Amino acid sequence: MIHLTSDYSALDREMNRIAAMPTRKMKAYLDTVLDATFAEAQALVHIDTGSLKDSGKKSSDTDPTKWTGTMRWGGPSAGVNNPVDYAIYELRRGGPHDWLVNVHLLDNLYATAILIGLRG
């Protein structure tokens, strides 16, 4: 007779650790990448009055299972056009008016932040 046993306790610990993501450390890494992404976008906002650029905001949030980073333009602004109600139209003009044109270039940094966070 052959009797096999397995100890899955290490696997269980690892699964529990991953299930507890995102940690504060991972959130900090992701927030740093969001800051860079927002800075890249803000640098490309077309400026006539400064209202559109001033309306740019970023935020992040976590819940027990995810991190969400948000960037938005439009709404309240300290500029002469307050509130900014034309952000989507300006963005859709494309070319030099598309301030999001380069943000995809930072995608790999989000993946790196997640991998660093997973390493603990």
C-alpha atoms as a PDB file:
ATOM      1  CA  MET A   1       0.000   0.000   0.000  1.00  0.00           C
ATOM      2  CA  ILE A   2       1.201   3.520  -0.857  1.00  0.00           C
ATOM      3  CA  HIS A   3       0.220   6.428   1.361  1.00  0.00           C
ATOM      4  CA  LEU A   4       0.767   9.981   0.048  1.00  0.00           C
ATOM      5  CA  THR A   5       0.365  13.155   2.035  1.00  0.00           C
ATOM      6  CA  SER A   6       0.716  16.770   1.048  1.00  0.00           C
ATOM      7  CA  ASP A   7       1.270  19.908   3.055  1.00  0.00           C
ATOM      8  CA  TYR A   8      -0.425  22.873   1.409  1.00  0.00           C
ATOM      9  CA  SER A   9       0.089  25.287   4.303  1.00  0.00           C
ATOM     10  CA  ALA A  10       2.711  27.348   2.427  1.00  0.00           C
ATOM     11  CA  LEU A  11       0.409  27.563  -0.580  1.00  0.00           C
ATOM     12  CA  ASP A  12      -2.480  28.585   1.671  1.00  0.00           C
ATOM     13  CA  ARG A  13      -0.351  31.331   3.273  1.00  0.00           C
ATOM     14  CA  GLU A  14       0.672  32.650  -0.160  1.00  0.00           C
ATOM     15  CA  MET A  15      -2.903  32.635  -1.439  1.00  0.00           C
ATOM     16  CA  ASN A  16      -4.026  34.519   1.683  1.00  0.00           C
ATOM     17  CA  ARG A  17      -1.228  37.063   1.185  1.00  0.00           C
ATOM     18  CA  ILE A  18      -2.218  37.641  -2.430  1.00  0.00           C
ATOM     19  CA  ALA A  19      -5.899  37.839  -1.491  1.00  0.00           C
ATOM     20  CA  ALA A  20      -5.017  40.700   0.894  1.00  0.00           C
ATOM     21  CA  MET A  21      -3.761  42.849  -1.995  1.00  0.00           C
ATOM     22  CA  PRO A  22      -3.381  45.686  -2.561  1.00  0.00           C
ATOM     23  CA  THR A  23      -1.222  46.407   0.453  1.00  0.00           C
ATOM     24  CA  ARG A  24      -0.312  49.948   1.501  1.00  0.00           C
ATOM     25  CA  LYS A  25       3.098  49.449  -0.091  1.00  0.00           C
ATOM     26  CA  MET A  26       1.569  48.386  -3.414  1.00  0.00           C
ATOM     27  CA  LYS A  27      -0.863  51.329  -3.263  1.00  0.00           C
ATOM     28  CA  ALA A  28       2.091  53.671  -2.710  1.00  0.00           C
ATOM     29  CA  TYR A  29       3.884  52.258  -5.774  1.00  0.00           C
ATOM     30  CA  LEU A  30       0.751  52.531  -7.908  1.00  0.00           C
ATOM     31  CA  ASP A  31       0.100  56.081  -6.660  1.00  0.00           C
ATOM     32  CA  THR A  32       3.635  57.051  -7.674  1.00  0.00           C
ATOM     33  CA  VAL A  33       2.974  55.790 -11.199  1.00  0.00           C
ATOM     34  CA  LEU A  34      -0.371  57.617 -11.254  1.00  0.00           C
ATOM     35  CA  ASP A  35       1.459  60.820 -10.264  1.00  0.00           C
ATOM     36  CA  ALA A  36       3.845  60.356 -13.208  1.00  0.00           C
ATOM     37  CA  THR A  37       0.975  59.578 -15.578  1.00  0.00           C
ATOM     38  CA  PHE A  38      -0.925  62.678 -14.483  1.00  0.00           C
ATOM     39  CA  ALA A  39       2.182  64.856 -14.797  1.00  0.00           C
ATOM     40  CA  GLU A  40       2.744  63.556 -18.346  1.00  0.00           C
ATOM     41  CA  ALA A  41      -0.851  64.334 -19.293  1.00  0.00           C
ATOM     42  CA  GLN A  42      -0.858  67.757 -17.626  1.00  0.00           C
ATOM     43  CA  ALA A  43       2.298  68.707 -19.512  1.00  0.00           C
ATOM     44  CA  LEU A  44       0.397  68.196 -22.788  1.00  0.00           C
ATOM     45  CA  VAL A  45      -2.844  69.998 -21.932  1.00  0.00           C
ATOM     46  CA  HIS A  46      -3.437  72.667 -24.559  1.00  0.00           C
ATOM     47  CA  ILE A  47      -3.420  76.062 -22.859  1.00  0.00           C
ATOM     48  CA  ASP A  48      -5.401  79.076 -24.005  1.00  0.00           C
ATOM     49  CA  THR A  49      -6.650  80.370 -20.676  1.00  0.00           C
ATOM     50  CA  GLY A  50      -5.290  77.768 -18.242  1.00  0.00           C
ATOM     51  CA  SER A  51      -8.792  76.759 -17.181  1.00  0.00           C
ATOM     52  CA  LEU A  52      -8.629  73.275 -18.689  1.00  0.00           C
ATOM     53  CA  LYS A  53      -5.259  72.536 -17.122  1.00  0.00           C
ATOM     54  CA  ASP A  54      -6.436  73.855 -13.758  1.00  0.00           C
ATOM     55  CA  SER A  55      -9.470  71.571 -13.889  1.00  0.00           C
ATOM     56  CA  GLY A  56      -7.235  68.461 -14.029  1.00  0.00           C
ATOM     57  CA  LYS A  57      -7.479  66.275 -10.947  1.00  0.00           C
ATOM     58  CA  LYS A  58      -6.238  62.829  -9.964  1.00  0.00           C
ATOM     59  CA  SER A  59      -7.181  60.482  -7.175  1.00  0.00           C
ATOM     60  CA  SER A  60      -6.794  56.877  -6.137  1.00  0.00           C
ATOM     61  CA  ASP A  61      -8.755  54.555  -3.952  1.00  0.00           C
ATOM     62  CA  THR A  62      -8.422  51.032  -2.668  1.00  0.00           C
ATOM     63  CA  ASP A  63     -10.886  48.537  -1.359  1.00  0.00           C
ATOM     64  CA  PRO A  64     -10.064  45.051  -0.116  1.00  0.00           C
ATOM     65  CA  THR A  65      -9.605  43.697  -3.647  1.00  0.00           C
ATOM     66  CA  LYS A  66      -8.491  46.499  -5.956  1.00  0.00           C
ATOM     67  CA  TRP A  67      -6.726  49.801  -6.528  1.00  0.00           C
ATOM     68  CA  THR A  68      -8.372  52.381  -8.766  1.00  0.00           C
ATOM     69  CA  GLY A  69      -6.538  55.388 -10.144  1.00  0.00           C
ATOM     70  CA  THR A  70      -8.561  58.185 -11.725  1.00  0.00           C
ATOM     71  CA  MET A  71      -7.593  61.234 -13.749  1.00  0.00           C
ATOM     72  CA  ARG A  72     -10.223  63.734 -14.879  1.00  0.00           C
ATOM     73  CA  TRP A  73     -10.439  67.087 -16.576  1.00  0.00           C
ATOM     74  CA  GLY A  74     -13.422  69.403 -16.607  1.00  0.00           C
ATOM     75  CA  GLY A  75     -15.567  70.853 -13.893  1.00  0.00           C
ATOM     76  CA  PRO A  76     -14.457  73.495 -11.375  1.00  0.00           C
ATOM     77  CA  SER A  77     -11.476  75.603 -12.323  1.00  0.00           C
ATOM     78  CA  ALA A  78      -9.786  78.719 -11.010  1.00  0.00           C
ATOM     79  CA  GLY A  79      -9.406  79.883 -14.614  1.00  0.00           C
ATOM     80  CA  VAL A  80     -11.678  82.252 -16.526  1.00  0.00           C
ATOM     81  CA  ASN A  81     -13.742  79.348 -17.885  1.00  0.00           C
ATOM     82  CA  ASN A  82     -15.347  78.054 -14.724  1.00  0.00           C
ATOM     83  CA  PRO A  83     -16.655  75.441 -14.810  1.00  0.00           C
ATOM     84  CA  VAL A  84     -14.804  73.771 -17.654  1.00  0.00           C
ATOM     85  CA  ASP A  85     -17.491  72.052 -19.705  1.00  0.00           C
ATOM     86  CA  TYR A  86     -15.507  71.481 -22.904  1.00  0.00           C
ATOM     87  CA  ALA A  87     -12.767  69.044 -21.832  1.00  0.00           C
ATOM     88  CA  ILE A  88     -14.114  66.066 -23.784  1.00  0.00           C
ATOM     89  CA  TYR A  89     -14.525  68.149 -26.937  1.00  0.00           C
ATOM     90  CA  GLU A  90     -10.984  69.498 -26.659  1.00  0.00           C
ATOM     91  CA  LEU A  91      -9.607  65.985 -26.155  1.00  0.00           C
ATOM     92  CA  ARG A  92     -11.519  64.626 -29.154  1.00  0.00           C
ATOM     93  CA  ARG A  93      -9.942  67.258 -31.407  1.00  0.00           C
ATOM     94  CA  GLY A  94      -6.845  65.084 -31.258  1.00  0.00           C
ATOM     95  CA  GLY A  95      -3.387  66.105 -32.384  1.00  0.00           C
ATOM     96  CA  PRO A  96      -1.861  68.663 -30.031  1.00  0.00           C
ATOM     97  CA  HIS A  97      -5.164  68.799 -28.128  1.00  0.00           C
ATOM     98  CA  ASP A  98      -4.976  65.133 -27.006  1.00  0.00           C
ATOM     99  CA  TRP A  99      -3.229  65.356 -23.661  1.00  0.00           C
ATOM    100  CA  LEU A 100      -3.651  61.612 -23.088  1.00  0.00           C
ATOM    101  CA  VAL A 101      -1.693  60.599 -26.194  1.00  0.00           C
ATOM    102  CA  ASN A 102       1.360  59.419 -24.228  1.00  0.00           C
ATOM    103  CA  VAL A 103      -0.147  57.938 -21.073  1.00  0.00           C
ATOM    104  CA  HIS A 104      -0.112  54.416 -22.521  1.00  0.00           C
ATOM    105  CA  LEU A 105       3.681  54.680 -22.570  1.00  0.00           C
ATOM    106  CA  LEU A 106       3.589  54.326 -18.781  1.00  0.00           C
ATOM    107  CA  ASP A 107       1.516  51.115 -18.768  1.00  0.00           C
ATOM    108  CA  ASN A 108       4.565  48.968 -18.069  1.00  0.00           C
ATOM    109  CA  LEU A 109       5.238  51.021 -14.927  1.00  0.00           C
ATOM    110  CA  TYR A 110       1.871  49.947 -13.506  1.00  0.00           C
ATOM    111  CA  ALA A 111       2.769  46.308 -14.137  1.00  0.00           C
ATOM    112  CA  THR A 112       6.161  46.859 -12.486  1.00  0.00           C
ATOM    113  CA  ALA A 113       4.522  48.501  -9.460  1.00  0.00           C
ATOM    114  CA  ILE A 114       2.225  45.499  -9.073  1.00  0.00           C
ATOM    115  CA  LEU A 115       5.125  43.049  -9.350  1.00  0.00           C
ATOM    116  CA  ILE A 116       7.163  44.990  -6.776  1.00  0.00           C
ATOM    117  CA  GLY A 117       4.141  45.052  -4.483  1.00  0.00           C
ATOM    118  CA  LEU A 118       3.657  41.300  -4.887  1.00  0.00           C
ATOM    119  CA  ARG A 119       7.254  40.701  -3.856  1.00  0.00           C
ATOM    120  CA  GLY A 120       6.370  42.231  -0.495  1.00  0.00           C
END
